[in-house]
């Protein structure tokens, strides 16, 4: 008998690609699933990503520009 493939566990995250106004792009940014499933539109998602960007900028010293668009990874 063939072995069954183990089922993938739900990680609780949704991946997004972010495009910034300066043309920079970041891929596969993790956002908690509970923010995605809320009824507040993309506001909580945008806020979460901007907070991540602030923390990264503090550590690296390189600030990010404003976000132009957020798209969910298929």
PDB file of N, CA and C in Angstrom:
ATOM      1  N   UNK A   1       0.820  -1.175   0.000  1.00  0.00           N
ATOM      2  CA  UNK A   1       0.000   0.000   0.000  1.00  0.00           C
ATOM      3  C   UNK A   1       0.871   1.249   0.000  1.00  0.00           C
ATOM      4  N   UNK A   2       0.377   2.226  -0.699  1.00  0.00           N
ATOM      5  CA  UNK A   2       1.088   3.499  -0.761  1.00  0.00           C
ATOM      6  C   UNK A   2       0.829   4.305   0.509  1.00  0.00           C
ATOM      7  N   UNK A   3       1.841   5.033   0.888  1.00  0.00           N
ATOM      8  CA  UNK A   3       1.687   5.880   2.073  1.00  0.00           C
ATOM      9  C   UNK A   3       0.877   7.113   1.707  1.00  0.00           C
ATOM     10  N   UNK A   4       0.059   7.531   2.652  1.00  0.00           N
ATOM     11  CA  UNK A   4      -0.706   8.760   2.451  1.00  0.00           C
ATOM     12  C   UNK A   4       0.195   9.952   2.719  1.00  0.00           C
ATOM     13  N   UNK A   5       0.003  10.976   1.928  1.00  0.00           N
ATOM     14  CA  UNK A   5       0.732  12.216   2.139  1.00  0.00           C
ATOM     15  C   UNK A   5       0.175  12.908   3.375  1.00  0.00           C
ATOM     16  N   UNK A   6       1.025  13.377   4.271  1.00  0.00           N
ATOM     17  CA  UNK A   6       0.486  14.065   5.438  1.00  0.00           C
ATOM     18  C   UNK A   6      -0.210  15.360   5.020  1.00  0.00           C
ATOM     19  N   UNK A   7      -1.328  15.637   5.660  1.00  0.00           N
ATOM     20  CA  UNK A   7      -2.060  16.847   5.335  1.00  0.00           C
ATOM     21  C   UNK A   7      -1.340  18.043   5.912  1.00  0.00           C
ATOM     22  N   UNK A   8      -1.393  19.113   5.183  1.00  0.00           N
ATOM     23  CA  UNK A   8      -0.735  20.337   5.596  1.00  0.00           C
ATOM     24  C   UNK A   8      -1.541  20.997   6.718  1.00  0.00           C
ATOM     25  N   UNK A   9      -0.855  21.368   7.769  1.00  0.00           N
ATOM     26  CA  UNK A   9      -1.521  22.008   8.900  1.00  0.00           C
ATOM     27  C   UNK A   9      -1.839  23.461   8.560  1.00  0.00           C
ATOM     28  N   UNK A  10      -2.952  23.932   9.065  1.00  0.00           N
ATOM     29  CA  UNK A  10      -3.338  25.320   8.859  1.00  0.00           C
ATOM     30  C   UNK A  10      -2.403  26.197   9.688  1.00  0.00           C
ATOM     31  N   UNK A  11      -1.673  27.092   9.010  1.00  0.00           N
ATOM     32  CA  UNK A  11      -0.671  27.898   9.694  1.00  0.00           C
ATOM     33  C   UNK A  11      -1.263  29.144  10.330  1.00  0.00           C
ATOM     34  N   UNK A  12      -2.451  29.548   9.889  1.00  0.00           N
ATOM     35  CA  UNK A  12      -3.053  30.726  10.472  1.00  0.00           C
ATOM     36  C   UNK A  12      -2.573  32.017   9.848  1.00  0.00           C
ATOM     37  N   UNK A  13      -1.873  31.925   8.715  1.00  0.00           N
ATOM     38  CA  UNK A  13      -1.383  33.101   8.022  1.00  0.00           C
ATOM     39  C   UNK A  13      -1.853  33.119   6.580  1.00  0.00           C
ATOM     40  N   UNK A  14      -1.961  34.314   6.022  1.00  0.00           N
ATOM     41  CA  UNK A  14      -2.278  34.498   4.612  1.00  0.00           C
ATOM     42  C   UNK A  14      -1.140  35.321   4.022  1.00  0.00           C
ATOM     43  N   UNK A  15      -0.719  34.982   2.808  1.00  0.00           N
ATOM     44  CA  UNK A  15       0.402  35.666   2.178  1.00  0.00           C
ATOM     45  C   UNK A  15      -0.073  36.771   1.239  1.00  0.00           C
ATOM     46  N   UNK A  16       0.662  37.885   1.245  1.00  0.00           N
ATOM     47  CA  UNK A  16       0.340  39.030   0.397  1.00  0.00           C
ATOM     48  C   UNK A  16       1.588  39.551  -0.288  1.00  0.00           C
ATOM     49  N   UNK A  17       1.421  40.066  -1.509  1.00  0.00           N
ATOM     50  CA  UNK A  17       2.466  40.800  -2.214  1.00  0.00           C
ATOM     51  C   UNK A  17       2.175  42.280  -2.034  1.00  0.00           C
ATOM     52  N   UNK A  18       3.211  43.060  -1.735  1.00  0.00           N
ATOM     53  CA  UNK A  18       3.064  44.482  -1.472  1.00  0.00           C
ATOM     54  C   UNK A  18       3.825  45.255  -2.540  1.00  0.00           C
ATOM     55  N   UNK A  19       3.170  46.246  -3.145  1.00  0.00           N
ATOM     56  CA  UNK A  19       3.799  47.140  -4.109  1.00  0.00           C
ATOM     57  C   UNK A  19       3.825  48.529  -3.487  1.00  0.00           C
ATOM     58  N   UNK A  20       5.005  49.128  -3.464  1.00  0.00           N
ATOM     59  CA  UNK A  20       5.187  50.456  -2.874  1.00  0.00           C
ATOM     60  C   UNK A  20       5.159  51.515  -3.965  1.00  0.00           C
ATOM     61  N   UNK A  21       4.900  52.754  -3.585  1.00  0.00           N
ATOM     62  CA  UNK A  21       4.791  53.844  -4.546  1.00  0.00           C
ATOM     63  C   UNK A  21       6.094  54.118  -5.285  1.00  0.00           C
ATOM     64  N   UNK A  22       7.232  53.754  -4.679  1.00  0.00           N
ATOM     65  CA  UNK A  22       8.518  53.970  -5.344  1.00  0.00           C
ATOM     66  C   UNK A  22       8.872  52.846  -6.321  1.00  0.00           C
ATOM     67  N   UNK A  23       7.959  51.867  -6.478  1.00  0.00           N
ATOM     68  CA  UNK A  23       8.173  50.762  -7.413  1.00  0.00           C
ATOM     69  C   UNK A  23       8.743  49.511  -6.768  1.00  0.00           C
ATOM     70  N   UNK A  24       9.145  49.583  -5.514  1.00  0.00           N
ATOM     71  CA  UNK A  24       9.670  48.407  -4.812  1.00  0.00           C
ATOM     72  C   UNK A  24       8.530  47.425  -4.554  1.00  0.00           C
ATOM     73  N   UNK A  25       8.898  46.164  -4.462  1.00  0.00           N
ATOM     74  CA  UNK A  25       7.896  45.119  -4.234  1.00  0.00           C
ATOM     75  C   UNK A  25       8.442  44.126  -3.211  1.00  0.00           C
ATOM     76  N   UNK A  26       7.578  43.694  -2.295  1.00  0.00           N
ATOM     77  CA  UNK A  26       7.925  42.594  -1.400  1.00  0.00           C
ATOM     78  C   UNK A  26       6.879  41.506  -1.592  1.00  0.00           C
ATOM     79  N   UNK A  27       7.339  40.281  -1.530  1.00  0.00           N
ATOM     80  CA  UNK A  27       6.458  39.143  -1.788  1.00  0.00           C
ATOM     81  C   UNK A  27       6.306  38.291  -0.539  1.00  0.00           C
ATOM     82  N   UNK A  28       5.163  37.616  -0.488  1.00  0.00           N
ATOM     83  CA  UNK A  28       4.880  36.617   0.548  1.00  0.00           C
ATOM     84  C   UNK A  28       4.996  37.163   1.963  1.00  0.00           C
ATOM     85  N   UNK A  29       4.411  38.322   2.199  1.00  0.00           N
ATOM     86  CA  UNK A  29       4.360  38.887   3.545  1.00  0.00           C
ATOM     87  C   UNK A  29       3.241  38.189   4.300  1.00  0.00           C
ATOM     88  N   UNK A  30       3.547  37.674   5.488  1.00  0.00           N
ATOM     89  CA  UNK A  30       2.580  36.928   6.295  1.00  0.00           C
ATOM     90  C   UNK A  30       1.702  37.882   7.099  1.00  0.00           C
ATOM     91  N   UNK A  31       0.399  37.658   7.021  1.00  0.00           N
ATOM     92  CA  UNK A  31      -0.585  38.410   7.786  1.00  0.00           C
ATOM     93  C   UNK A  31      -1.470  37.389   8.503  1.00  0.00           C
ATOM     94  N   UNK A  32      -1.720  37.569   9.802  1.00  0.00           N
ATOM     95  CA  UNK A  32      -2.584  36.614  10.515  1.00  0.00           C
ATOM     96  C   UNK A  32      -3.962  36.503   9.851  1.00  0.00           C
ATOM     97  N   UNK A  33      -4.454  35.274   9.766  1.00  0.00           N
ATOM     98  CA  UNK A  33      -5.723  35.007   9.093  1.00  0.00           C
ATOM     99  C   UNK A  33      -6.889  35.745   9.736  1.00  0.00           C
ATOM    100  N   UNK A  34      -6.855  35.979  11.046  1.00  0.00           N
ATOM    101  CA  UNK A  34      -7.986  36.663  11.688  1.00  0.00           C
ATOM    102  C   UNK A  34      -8.119  38.104  11.214  1.00  0.00           C
ATOM    103  N   UNK A  35      -7.036  38.735  10.765  1.00  0.00           N
ATOM    104  CA  UNK A  35      -7.137  40.085  10.202  1.00  0.00           C
ATOM    105  C   UNK A  35      -7.763  40.058   8.818  1.00  0.00           C
ATOM    106  N   UNK A  36      -7.467  39.013   8.067  1.00  0.00           N
ATOM    107  CA  UNK A  36      -7.981  38.882   6.699  1.00  0.00           C
ATOM    108  C   UNK A  36      -9.472  38.594   6.726  1.00  0.00           C
ATOM    109  N   UNK A  37      -9.923  37.833   7.703  1.00  0.00           N
ATOM    110  CA  UNK A  37     -11.319  37.419   7.768  1.00  0.00           C
ATOM    111  C   UNK A  37     -12.221  38.449   8.431  1.00  0.00           C
ATOM    112  N   UNK A  38     -11.667  39.589   8.836  1.00  0.00           N
ATOM    113  CA  UNK A  38     -12.502  40.614   9.460  1.00  0.00           C
ATOM    114  C   UNK A  38     -13.303  41.361   8.398  1.00  0.00           C
ATOM    115  N   UNK A  39     -14.294  42.119   8.829  1.00  0.00           N
ATOM    116  CA  UNK A  39     -15.174  42.832   7.903  1.00  0.00           C
ATOM    117  C   UNK A  39     -14.746  44.281   7.690  1.00  0.00           C
ATOM    118  N   UNK A  40     -13.535  44.619   8.102  1.00  0.00           N
ATOM    119  CA  UNK A  40     -13.063  45.991   8.017  1.00  0.00           C
ATOM    120  C   UNK A  40     -12.308  46.289   6.723  1.00  0.00           C
ATOM    121  N   UNK A  41     -12.438  45.464   5.704  1.00  0.00           N
ATOM    122  CA  UNK A  41     -11.740  45.688   4.444  1.00  0.00           C
ATOM    123  C   UNK A  41     -10.255  45.425   4.590  1.00  0.00           C
ATOM    124  N   UNK A  42      -9.445  46.169   3.827  1.00  0.00           N
ATOM    125  CA  UNK A  42      -8.004  45.933   3.895  1.00  0.00           C
ATOM    126  C   UNK A  42      -7.310  46.839   4.901  1.00  0.00           C
ATOM    127  N   UNK A  43      -8.064  47.611   5.681  1.00  0.00           N
ATOM    128  CA  UNK A  43      -7.487  48.494   6.691  1.00  0.00           C
ATOM    129  C   UNK A  43      -6.616  47.772   7.704  1.00  0.00           C
ATOM    130  N   UNK A  44      -7.116  46.697   8.340  1.00  0.00           N
ATOM    131  CA  UNK A  44      -6.288  45.970   9.302  1.00  0.00           C
ATOM    132  C   UNK A  44      -5.057  45.335   8.661  1.00  0.00           C
ATOM    133  N   UNK A  45      -5.202  44.865   7.424  1.00  0.00           N
ATOM    134  CA  UNK A  45      -4.071  44.258   6.710  1.00  0.00           C
ATOM    135  C   UNK A  45      -3.013  45.318   6.451  1.00  0.00           C
ATOM    136  N   UNK A  46      -3.443  46.456   5.930  1.00  0.00           N
ATOM    137  CA  UNK A  46      -2.521  47.559   5.637  1.00  0.00           C
ATOM    138  C   UNK A  46      -1.814  48.019   6.917  1.00  0.00           C
ATOM    139  N   UNK A  47      -2.566  48.150   8.000  1.00  0.00           N
ATOM    140  CA  UNK A  47      -1.979  48.564   9.270  1.00  0.00           C
ATOM    141  C   UNK A  47      -0.939  47.580   9.782  1.00  0.00           C
ATOM    142  N   UNK A  48      -1.231  46.290   9.649  1.00  0.00           N
ATOM    143  CA  UNK A  48      -0.299  45.259  10.092  1.00  0.00           C
ATOM    144  C   UNK A  48       0.989  45.315   9.276  1.00  0.00           C
ATOM    145  N   UNK A  49       0.866  45.441   7.952  1.00  0.00           N
ATOM    146  CA  UNK A  49       2.038  45.514   7.069  1.00  0.00           C
ATOM    147  C   UNK A  49       2.845  46.778   7.369  1.00  0.00           C
ATOM    148  N   UNK A  50       2.162  47.919   7.569  1.00  0.00           N
ATOM    149  CA  UNK A  50       2.872  49.168   7.874  1.00  0.00           C
ATOM    150  C   UNK A  50       3.624  49.061   9.197  1.00  0.00           C
ATOM    151  N   UNK A  51       3.038  48.380  10.181  1.00  0.00           N
ATOM    152  CA  UNK A  51       3.725  48.186  11.463  1.00  0.00           C
ATOM    153  C   UNK A  51       4.967  47.315  11.265  1.00  0.00           C
ATOM    154  N   UNK A  52       4.862  46.260  10.461  1.00  0.00           N
ATOM    155  CA  UNK A  52       6.034  45.435  10.146  1.00  0.00           C
ATOM    156  C   UNK A  52       7.109  46.292   9.486  1.00  0.00           C
ATOM    157  N   UNK A  53       6.712  47.144   8.543  1.00  0.00           N
ATOM    158  CA  UNK A  53       7.664  48.016   7.842  1.00  0.00           C
ATOM    159  C   UNK A  53       8.367  48.962   8.809  1.00  0.00           C
ATOM    160  N   UNK A  54       7.626  49.508   9.783  1.00  0.00           N
ATOM    161  CA  UNK A  54       8.230  50.400  10.779  1.00  0.00           C
ATOM    162  C   UNK A  54       9.293  49.671  11.604  1.00  0.00           C
ATOM    163  N   UNK A  55       8.980  48.443  12.010  1.00  0.00           N
ATOM    164  CA  UNK A  55       9.946  47.666  12.791  1.00  0.00           C
ATOM    165  C   UNK A  55      11.188  47.344  11.966  1.00  0.00           C
ATOM    166  N   UNK A  56      10.993  46.976  10.708  1.00  0.00           N
ATOM    167  CA  UNK A  56      12.118  46.677   9.820  1.00  0.00           C
ATOM    168  C   UNK A  56      12.969  47.927   9.609  1.00  0.00           C
ATOM    169  N   UNK A  57      12.317  49.081   9.425  1.00  0.00           N
ATOM    170  CA  UNK A  57      13.032  50.338   9.215  1.00  0.00           C
ATOM    171  C   UNK A  57      13.847  50.718  10.449  1.00  0.00           C
ATOM    172  N   UNK A  58      13.315  50.473  11.637  1.00  0.00           N
ATOM    173  CA  UNK A  58      14.052  50.759  12.870  1.00  0.00           C
ATOM    174  C   UNK A  58      15.333  49.943  12.944  1.00  0.00           C
ATOM    175  N   UNK A  59      15.234  48.669  12.582  1.00  0.00           N
ATOM    176  CA  UNK A  59      16.397  47.792  12.676  1.00  0.00           C
ATOM    177  C   UNK A  59      17.409  48.063  11.569  1.00  0.00           C
ATOM    178  N   UNK A  60      16.935  48.349  10.370  1.00  0.00           N
ATOM    179  CA  UNK A  60      17.845  48.507   9.239  1.00  0.00           C
ATOM    180  C   UNK A  60      18.281  49.949   9.007  1.00  0.00           C
ATOM    181  N   UNK A  61      17.468  50.899   9.441  1.00  0.00           N
ATOM    182  CA  UNK A  61      17.778  52.299   9.187  1.00  0.00           C
ATOM    183  C   UNK A  61      17.325  52.771   7.819  1.00  0.00           C
ATOM    184  N   UNK A  62      16.646  51.917   7.067  1.00  0.00           N
ATOM    185  CA  UNK A  62      16.142  52.261   5.736  1.00  0.00           C
ATOM    186  C   UNK A  62      14.620  52.280   5.747  1.00  0.00           C
ATOM    187  N   UNK A  63      14.004  53.464   5.765  1.00  0.00           N
ATOM    188  CA  UNK A  63      12.545  53.514   5.799  1.00  0.00           C
ATOM    189  C   UNK A  63      11.918  53.098   4.471  1.00  0.00           C
ATOM    190  N   UNK A  64      10.728  52.538   4.552  1.00  0.00           N
ATOM    191  CA  UNK A  64       9.944  52.160   3.370  1.00  0.00           C
ATOM    192  C   UNK A  64       9.066  53.323   2.963  1.00  0.00           C
ATOM    193  N   UNK A  65       8.755  53.373   1.675  1.00  0.00           N
ATOM    194  CA  UNK A  65       7.819  54.371   1.187  1.00  0.00           C
ATOM    195  C   UNK A  65       6.391  53.942   1.451  1.00  0.00           C
ATOM    196  N   UNK A  66       5.441  54.776   1.062  1.00  0.00           N
ATOM    197  CA  UNK A  66       4.027  54.430   1.243  1.00  0.00           C
ATOM    198  C   UNK A  66       3.614  53.243   0.362  1.00  0.00           C
ATOM    199  N   UNK A  67       2.647  52.487   0.851  1.00  0.00           N
ATOM    200  CA  UNK A  67       2.142  51.325   0.123  1.00  0.00           C
ATOM    201  C   UNK A  67       1.199  51.791  -0.991  1.00  0.00           C
ATOM    202  N   UNK A  68       1.428  51.274  -2.194  1.00  0.00           N
ATOM    203  CA  UNK A  68       0.565  51.589  -3.337  1.00  0.00           C
ATOM    204  C   UNK A  68      -0.561  50.572  -3.446  1.00  0.00           C
ATOM    205  N   UNK A  69      -0.229  49.276  -3.350  1.00  0.00           N
ATOM    206  CA  UNK A  69      -1.272  48.255  -3.455  1.00  0.00           C
ATOM    207  C   UNK A  69      -0.876  47.000  -2.691  1.00  0.00           C
ATOM    208  N   UNK A  70      -1.897  46.262  -2.286  1.00  0.00           N
ATOM    209  CA  UNK A  70      -1.731  44.989  -1.578  1.00  0.00           C
ATOM    210  C   UNK A  70      -2.542  43.955  -2.351  1.00  0.00           C
ATOM    211  N   UNK A  71      -1.898  42.838  -2.703  1.00  0.00           N
ATOM    212  CA  UNK A  71      -2.627  41.783  -3.403  1.00  0.00           C
ATOM    213  C   UNK A  71      -2.339  40.438  -2.743  1.00  0.00           C
ATOM    214  N   UNK A  72      -3.383  39.650  -2.615  1.00  0.00           N
ATOM    215  CA  UNK A  72      -3.279  38.343  -1.981  1.00  0.00           C
ATOM    216  C   UNK A  72      -2.592  37.357  -2.929  1.00  0.00           C
ATOM    217  N   UNK A  73      -1.691  36.559  -2.391  1.00  0.00           N
ATOM    218  CA  UNK A  73      -0.994  35.548  -3.185  1.00  0.00           C
ATOM    219  C   UNK A  73      -1.957  34.396  -3.440  1.00  0.00           C
ATOM    220  N   UNK A  74      -2.012  33.949  -4.673  1.00  0.00           N
ATOM    221  CA  UNK A  74      -2.936  32.867  -5.041  1.00  0.00           C
ATOM    222  C   UNK A  74      -2.497  31.536  -4.513  1.00  0.00           C
TER     223      UNK A  74
END
